[in-house]
Amino acid sequence: MFEFTIQHQQIFSTSKTTVVDVMKPIAIILHGPTSAGKTSLAKALQASSPVPAFHISLDAFVTMSRRKDMRSDEEQRFAYHIHCDNLRSTLRRVVETRFDIILDFVLRDEAELKTCFEVLSVRPTYLIKVYAPLDILEQRERLREDRLDGMAREQSSHSAFQRSYDFAIDTSMFNPEEGAAAIRRYINERAEP
């Protein structure tokens, strides 16, 4: 296995100035309820990244199985744990590289969240709350074929989304590119040299 030990440069631009910082690869966790705009924001962050970045999403693993094919709650729980195991395994592999990580998930299980945070703890990690007002979430949810009605309402009030975050983005106020730029500015202001 080839080990990367060279730190990479991150370049952040604003309309007024360009700042260059040398730093270790980072992890950005986008956390929030369904239809909040996490995936759109993750893609915008990845597109604007000055270094290669992996966009890792729990949804990529969840879509490997179909909930409606599960014959029992037990099978659903078992599939969920397989998805979380796959997510953690992927994170463990990518965290060893020099690539930035953009993690996008709705994860509400505290033990699973804690495990993901532990895996990412070897690099600077930023926990970003991604949200929108409930009426906007529900409107977006109705436009998505892959979401059941009521998911946004149920998830938005969950205690997992009431935690302390490093930064928060209301996606009803920004398009994905503007949201990504705001997150990059926040990270740049706190970057470890």
C-alpha atoms as a PDB file:
ATOM      1  CA  MET A   1       0.000   0.000   0.000  1.00  0.00           C
ATOM      2  CA  PHE A   2       1.362   3.415  -0.944  1.00  0.00           C
ATOM      3  CA  GLU A   3       1.183   5.969   1.866  1.00  0.00           C
ATOM      4  CA  PHE A   4       0.669   9.642   1.182  1.00  0.00           C
ATOM      5  CA  THR A   5       2.494  11.874   3.648  1.00  0.00           C
ATOM      6  CA  ILE A   6       2.540  15.122   1.685  1.00  0.00           C
ATOM      7  CA  GLN A   7       0.020  17.667   2.848  1.00  0.00           C
ATOM      8  CA  HIS A   8      -2.058  19.238   0.118  1.00  0.00           C
ATOM      9  CA  GLN A   9      -2.951  22.857  -0.468  1.00  0.00           C
ATOM     10  CA  GLN A  10      -6.476  24.093  -0.300  1.00  0.00           C
ATOM     11  CA  ILE A  11      -7.343  27.246  -2.171  1.00  0.00           C
ATOM     12  CA  PHE A  12     -10.477  29.151  -1.253  1.00  0.00           C
ATOM     13  CA  SER A  13     -11.609  32.104  -3.329  1.00  0.00           C
ATOM     14  CA  THR A  14     -14.046  34.849  -2.523  1.00  0.00           C
ATOM     15  CA  SER A  15     -14.962  37.845  -4.625  1.00  0.00           C
ATOM     16  CA  LYS A  16     -12.486  39.918  -2.585  1.00  0.00           C
ATOM     17  CA  THR A  17      -9.482  37.689  -2.026  1.00  0.00           C
ATOM     18  CA  THR A  18      -7.867  34.298  -2.483  1.00  0.00           C
ATOM     19  CA  VAL A  19      -6.460  32.493   0.541  1.00  0.00           C
ATOM     20  CA  VAL A  20      -4.092  29.539   0.338  1.00  0.00           C
ATOM     21  CA  ASP A  21      -3.630  27.265   3.349  1.00  0.00           C
ATOM     22  CA  VAL A  22      -1.633  24.077   3.689  1.00  0.00           C
ATOM     23  CA  MET A  23      -3.609  21.547   5.637  1.00  0.00           C
ATOM     24  CA  LYS A  24      -4.354  17.888   6.114  1.00  0.00           C
ATOM     25  CA  PRO A  25      -7.229  16.302   4.219  1.00  0.00           C
ATOM     26  CA  ILE A  26     -10.539  17.144   5.839  1.00  0.00           C
ATOM     27  CA  ALA A  27     -13.925  15.527   6.312  1.00  0.00           C
ATOM     28  CA  ILE A  28     -17.164  17.441   5.909  1.00  0.00           C
ATOM     29  CA  ILE A  29     -20.235  15.736   7.354  1.00  0.00           C
ATOM     30  CA  LEU A  30     -23.544  16.981   5.951  1.00  0.00           C
ATOM     31  CA  HIS A  31     -26.221  15.899   8.415  1.00  0.00           C
ATOM     32  CA  GLY A  32     -29.918  16.586   8.283  1.00  0.00           C
ATOM     33  CA  PRO A  33     -33.366  15.231   7.502  1.00  0.00           C
ATOM     34  CA  THR A  34     -34.481  13.875   4.160  1.00  0.00           C
ATOM     35  CA  SER A  35     -35.020  16.435   1.391  1.00  0.00           C
ATOM     36  CA  ALA A  36     -32.891  19.050   3.158  1.00  0.00           C
ATOM     37  CA  GLY A  37     -30.549  19.263   0.156  1.00  0.00           C
ATOM     38  CA  LYS A  38     -27.550  17.341   1.481  1.00  0.00           C
ATOM     39  CA  THR A  39     -26.772  15.521  -1.761  1.00  0.00           C
ATOM     40  CA  SER A  40     -27.032  18.672  -3.906  1.00  0.00           C
ATOM     41  CA  LEU A  41     -24.803  20.484  -1.426  1.00  0.00           C
ATOM     42  CA  ALA A  42     -22.333  17.561  -1.373  1.00  0.00           C
ATOM     43  CA  LYS A  43     -22.082  17.603  -5.167  1.00  0.00           C
ATOM     44  CA  ALA A  44     -21.486  21.369  -5.131  1.00  0.00           C
ATOM     45  CA  LEU A  45     -18.792  20.945  -2.454  1.00  0.00           C
ATOM     46  CA  GLN A  46     -17.162  18.203  -4.483  1.00  0.00           C
ATOM     47  CA  ALA A  47     -17.286  20.298  -7.673  1.00  0.00           C
ATOM     48  CA  SER A  48     -15.754  23.295  -5.908  1.00  0.00           C
ATOM     49  CA  SER A  49     -13.081  21.320  -4.085  1.00  0.00           C
ATOM     50  CA  PRO A  50      -9.540  22.409  -4.929  1.00  0.00           C
ATOM     51  CA  VAL A  51      -8.380  18.827  -4.236  1.00  0.00           C
ATOM     52  CA  PRO A  52      -9.891  15.434  -5.054  1.00  0.00           C
ATOM     53  CA  ALA A  53     -12.831  14.689  -2.763  1.00  0.00           C
ATOM     54  CA  PHE A  54     -14.911  11.574  -2.257  1.00  0.00           C
ATOM     55  CA  HIS A  55     -18.654  12.103  -1.842  1.00  0.00           C
ATOM     56  CA  ILE A  56     -19.808   9.239   0.361  1.00  0.00           C
ATOM     57  CA  SER A  57     -23.519   8.845   0.984  1.00  0.00           C
ATOM     58  CA  LEU A  58     -25.428   6.383   3.124  1.00  0.00           C
ATOM     59  CA  ASP A  59     -28.106   6.448   0.404  1.00  0.00           C
ATOM     60  CA  ALA A  60     -25.658   4.748  -1.970  1.00  0.00           C
ATOM     61  CA  PHE A  61     -25.695   1.722   0.327  1.00  0.00           C
ATOM     62  CA  VAL A  62     -29.394   1.884   1.230  1.00  0.00           C
ATOM     63  CA  THR A  63     -30.388   1.665  -2.438  1.00  0.00           C
ATOM     64  CA  MET A  64     -28.595  -1.677  -2.682  1.00  0.00           C
ATOM     65  CA  SER A  65     -31.718  -3.203  -1.176  1.00  0.00           C
ATOM     66  CA  ARG A  66     -35.370  -2.322  -1.483  1.00  0.00           C
ATOM     67  CA  ARG A  67     -37.261  -1.759   1.749  1.00  0.00           C
ATOM     68  CA  LYS A  68     -40.496  -3.042   0.224  1.00  0.00           C
ATOM     69  CA  ASP A  69     -38.799  -6.400  -0.474  1.00  0.00           C
ATOM     70  CA  MET A  70     -38.096  -6.936   3.217  1.00  0.00           C
ATOM     71  CA  ARG A  71     -40.471  -9.467   4.736  1.00  0.00           C
ATOM     72  CA  SER A  72     -40.191  -8.313   8.331  1.00  0.00           C
ATOM     73  CA  ASP A  73     -38.975  -5.542  10.615  1.00  0.00           C
ATOM     74  CA  GLU A  74     -36.129  -7.859  11.570  1.00  0.00           C
ATOM     75  CA  GLU A  75     -34.978  -8.064   7.926  1.00  0.00           C
ATOM     76  CA  GLN A  76     -35.214  -4.263   7.639  1.00  0.00           C
ATOM     77  CA  ARG A  77     -33.065  -3.814  10.777  1.00  0.00           C
ATOM     78  CA  PHE A  78     -30.552  -6.375   9.511  1.00  0.00           C
ATOM     79  CA  ALA A  79     -30.311  -4.634   6.107  1.00  0.00           C
ATOM     80  CA  TYR A  80     -29.887  -1.259   7.853  1.00  0.00           C
ATOM     81  CA  HIS A  81     -26.920  -2.614   9.837  1.00  0.00           C
ATOM     82  CA  ILE A  82     -25.359  -4.002   6.654  1.00  0.00           C
ATOM     83  CA  HIS A  83     -25.700  -0.550   5.062  1.00  0.00           C
ATOM     84  CA  CYS A  84     -24.060   1.101   8.084  1.00  0.00           C
ATOM     85  CA  ASP A  85     -21.254  -1.509   8.097  1.00  0.00           C
ATOM     86  CA  ASN A  86     -20.608  -0.780   4.411  1.00  0.00           C
ATOM     87  CA  LEU A  87     -20.562   2.959   5.114  1.00  0.00           C
ATOM     88  CA  ARG A  88     -18.046   2.582   7.947  1.00  0.00           C
ATOM     89  CA  SER A  89     -15.877   0.228   5.885  1.00  0.00           C
ATOM     90  CA  THR A  90     -15.769   2.740   3.044  1.00  0.00           C
ATOM     91  CA  LEU A  91     -14.972   5.573   5.427  1.00  0.00           C
ATOM     92  CA  ARG A  92     -12.109   3.557   6.957  1.00  0.00           C
ATOM     93  CA  ARG A  93     -10.593   3.013   3.509  1.00  0.00           C
ATOM     94  CA  VAL A  94     -10.934   6.603   2.311  1.00  0.00           C
ATOM     95  CA  VAL A  95      -9.842   8.183   5.610  1.00  0.00           C
ATOM     96  CA  GLU A  96      -6.412   6.586   5.059  1.00  0.00           C
ATOM     97  CA  THR A  97      -5.940   8.532   1.810  1.00  0.00           C
ATOM     98  CA  ARG A  98      -5.140  12.165   1.135  1.00  0.00           C
ATOM     99  CA  PHE A  99      -8.567  12.735  -0.414  1.00  0.00           C
ATOM    100  CA  ASP A 100     -11.080  14.995   1.261  1.00  0.00           C
ATOM    101  CA  ILE A 101     -14.297  13.299   2.380  1.00  0.00           C
ATOM    102  CA  ILE A 102     -17.773  14.753   1.980  1.00  0.00           C
ATOM    103  CA  LEU A 103     -20.160  12.543   3.924  1.00  0.00           C
ATOM    104  CA  ASP A 104     -23.879  12.971   3.313  1.00  0.00           C
ATOM    105  CA  PHE A 105     -26.370  11.192   5.545  1.00  0.00           C
ATOM    106  CA  VAL A 106     -29.598  11.217   7.547  1.00  0.00           C
ATOM    107  CA  LEU A 107     -28.152   8.872  10.185  1.00  0.00           C
ATOM    108  CA  ARG A 108     -30.107   9.158  13.449  1.00  0.00           C
ATOM    109  CA  ASP A 109     -28.834   6.148  15.375  1.00  0.00           C
ATOM    110  CA  GLU A 110     -26.495   7.607  18.034  1.00  0.00           C
ATOM    111  CA  ALA A 111     -24.223   4.547  18.185  1.00  0.00           C
ATOM    112  CA  GLU A 112     -23.800   4.551  14.386  1.00  0.00           C
ATOM    113  CA  LEU A 113     -23.172   8.311  14.380  1.00  0.00           C
ATOM    114  CA  LYS A 114     -20.562   7.979  17.114  1.00  0.00           C
ATOM    115  CA  THR A 115     -18.784   5.214  15.197  1.00  0.00           C
ATOM    116  CA  CYS A 116     -18.647   7.343  12.023  1.00  0.00           C
ATOM    117  CA  PHE A 117     -17.278  10.278  14.031  1.00  0.00           C
ATOM    118  CA  GLU A 118     -14.610   7.998  15.527  1.00  0.00           C
ATOM    119  CA  VAL A 119     -13.538   6.737  12.102  1.00  0.00           C
ATOM    120  CA  LEU A 120     -13.155  10.336  10.880  1.00  0.00           C
ATOM    121  CA  SER A 121     -11.443  11.594  14.048  1.00  0.00           C
ATOM    122  CA  VAL A 122      -7.955  11.201  12.531  1.00  0.00           C
ATOM    123  CA  ARG A 123      -8.511  14.291  10.369  1.00  0.00           C
ATOM    124  CA  PRO A 124     -10.066  17.729  10.805  1.00  0.00           C
ATOM    125  CA  THR A 125     -13.804  17.091  10.625  1.00  0.00           C
ATOM    126  CA  TYR A 126     -16.612  19.616  10.265  1.00  0.00           C
ATOM    127  CA  LEU A 127     -20.165  18.680  11.195  1.00  0.00           C
ATOM    128  CA  ILE A 128     -22.592  20.739   9.116  1.00  0.00           C
ATOM    129  CA  LYS A 129     -26.304  20.927   9.854  1.00  0.00           C
ATOM    130  CA  VAL A 130     -28.284  20.966   6.606  1.00  0.00           C
ATOM    131  CA  TYR A 131     -31.892  22.002   7.053  1.00  0.00           C
ATOM    132  CA  ALA A 132     -34.843  23.920   5.655  1.00  0.00           C
ATOM    133  CA  PRO A 133     -38.233  24.918   7.076  1.00  0.00           C
ATOM    134  CA  LEU A 134     -40.626  21.959   7.339  1.00  0.00           C
ATOM    135  CA  ASP A 135     -42.983  23.244   4.612  1.00  0.00           C
ATOM    136  CA  ILE A 136     -40.039  23.381   2.177  1.00  0.00           C
ATOM    137  CA  LEU A 137     -38.868  19.889   3.193  1.00  0.00           C
ATOM    138  CA  GLU A 138     -42.364  18.507   2.625  1.00  0.00           C
ATOM    139  CA  GLN A 139     -42.661  20.258  -0.737  1.00  0.00           C
ATOM    140  CA  ARG A 140     -39.340  18.767  -1.852  1.00  0.00           C
ATOM    141  CA  GLU A 141     -40.350  15.366  -0.493  1.00  0.00           C
ATOM    142  CA  ARG A 142     -43.526  15.345  -2.627  1.00  0.00           C
ATOM    143  CA  LEU A 143     -41.392  15.952  -5.740  1.00  0.00           C
ATOM    144  CA  ARG A 144     -39.174  12.933  -5.044  1.00  0.00           C
ATOM    145  CA  GLU A 145     -40.271   9.489  -6.143  1.00  0.00           C
ATOM    146  CA  ASP A 146     -37.824   7.838  -3.748  1.00  0.00           C
ATOM    147  CA  ARG A 147     -39.353   9.358  -0.583  1.00  0.00           C
ATOM    148  CA  LEU A 148     -42.494   8.445   1.322  1.00  0.00           C
ATOM    149  CA  ASP A 149     -44.830  11.187   2.512  1.00  0.00           C
ATOM    150  CA  GLY A 150     -44.195  12.077   6.131  1.00  0.00           C
ATOM    151  CA  MET A 151     -40.500  11.182   6.243  1.00  0.00           C
ATOM    152  CA  ALA A 152     -39.379  14.822   6.381  1.00  0.00           C
ATOM    153  CA  ARG A 153     -41.804  15.662   9.187  1.00  0.00           C
ATOM    154  CA  GLU A 154     -40.809  12.629  11.229  1.00  0.00           C
ATOM    155  CA  GLN A 155     -37.075  13.144  10.716  1.00  0.00           C
ATOM    156  CA  SER A 156     -36.913  16.919  11.164  1.00  0.00           C
ATOM    157  CA  SER A 157     -38.117  16.693  14.759  1.00  0.00           C
ATOM    158  CA  HIS A 158     -35.756  13.819  15.664  1.00  0.00           C
ATOM    159  CA  SER A 159     -33.353  14.498  18.539  1.00  0.00           C
ATOM    160  CA  ALA A 160     -30.356  13.508  16.372  1.00  0.00           C
ATOM    161  CA  PHE A 161     -30.750  16.814  14.527  1.00  0.00           C
ATOM    162  CA  GLN A 162     -30.823  18.882  17.727  1.00  0.00           C
ATOM    163  CA  ARG A 163     -27.128  18.341  18.453  1.00  0.00           C
ATOM    164  CA  SER A 164     -24.369  20.924  18.396  1.00  0.00           C
ATOM    165  CA  TYR A 165     -22.996  21.601  14.905  1.00  0.00           C
ATOM    166  CA  ASP A 166     -19.929  23.433  13.646  1.00  0.00           C
ATOM    167  CA  PHE A 167     -21.953  25.280  11.019  1.00  0.00           C
ATOM    168  CA  ALA A 168     -25.522  25.280   9.719  1.00  0.00           C
ATOM    169  CA  ILE A 169     -26.946  25.881   6.246  1.00  0.00           C
ATOM    170  CA  ASP A 170     -30.608  26.649   5.588  1.00  0.00           C
ATOM    171  CA  THR A 171     -30.921  25.377   2.015  1.00  0.00           C
ATOM    172  CA  SER A 172     -34.086  27.408   1.460  1.00  0.00           C
ATOM    173  CA  MET A 173     -31.883  30.513   1.571  1.00  0.00           C
ATOM    174  CA  PHE A 174     -29.055  29.394  -0.740  1.00  0.00           C
ATOM    175  CA  ASN A 175     -28.610  27.409  -3.908  1.00  0.00           C
ATOM    176  CA  PRO A 176     -26.133  24.497  -3.578  1.00  0.00           C
ATOM    177  CA  GLU A 177     -23.181  26.461  -4.969  1.00  0.00           C
ATOM    178  CA  GLU A 178     -23.775  29.373  -2.568  1.00  0.00           C
ATOM    179  CA  GLY A 179     -24.156  26.940   0.331  1.00  0.00           C
ATOM    180  CA  ALA A 180     -20.926  25.169  -0.634  1.00  0.00           C
ATOM    181  CA  ALA A 181     -19.098  28.519  -0.821  1.00  0.00           C
ATOM    182  CA  ALA A 182     -20.357  29.455   2.663  1.00  0.00           C
ATOM    183  CA  ILE A 183     -19.149  26.126   4.069  1.00  0.00           C
ATOM    184  CA  ARG A 184     -15.748  26.534   2.384  1.00  0.00           C
ATOM    185  CA  ARG A 185     -15.399  30.058   3.845  1.00  0.00           C
ATOM    186  CA  TYR A 186     -16.234  28.734   7.301  1.00  0.00           C
ATOM    187  CA  ILE A 187     -13.676  25.913   7.001  1.00  0.00           C
ATOM    188  CA  ASN A 188     -10.997  28.224   5.636  1.00  0.00           C
ATOM    189  CA  GLU A 189     -11.401  30.568   8.598  1.00  0.00           C
ATOM    190  CA  ARG A 190     -10.733  27.661  10.956  1.00  0.00           C
ATOM    191  CA  ALA A 191      -8.168  25.713   8.927  1.00  0.00           C
ATOM    192  CA  GLU A 192      -5.247  24.205  10.795  1.00  0.00           C
ATOM    193  CA  PRO A 193      -1.961  25.098   9.112  1.00  0.00           C
END
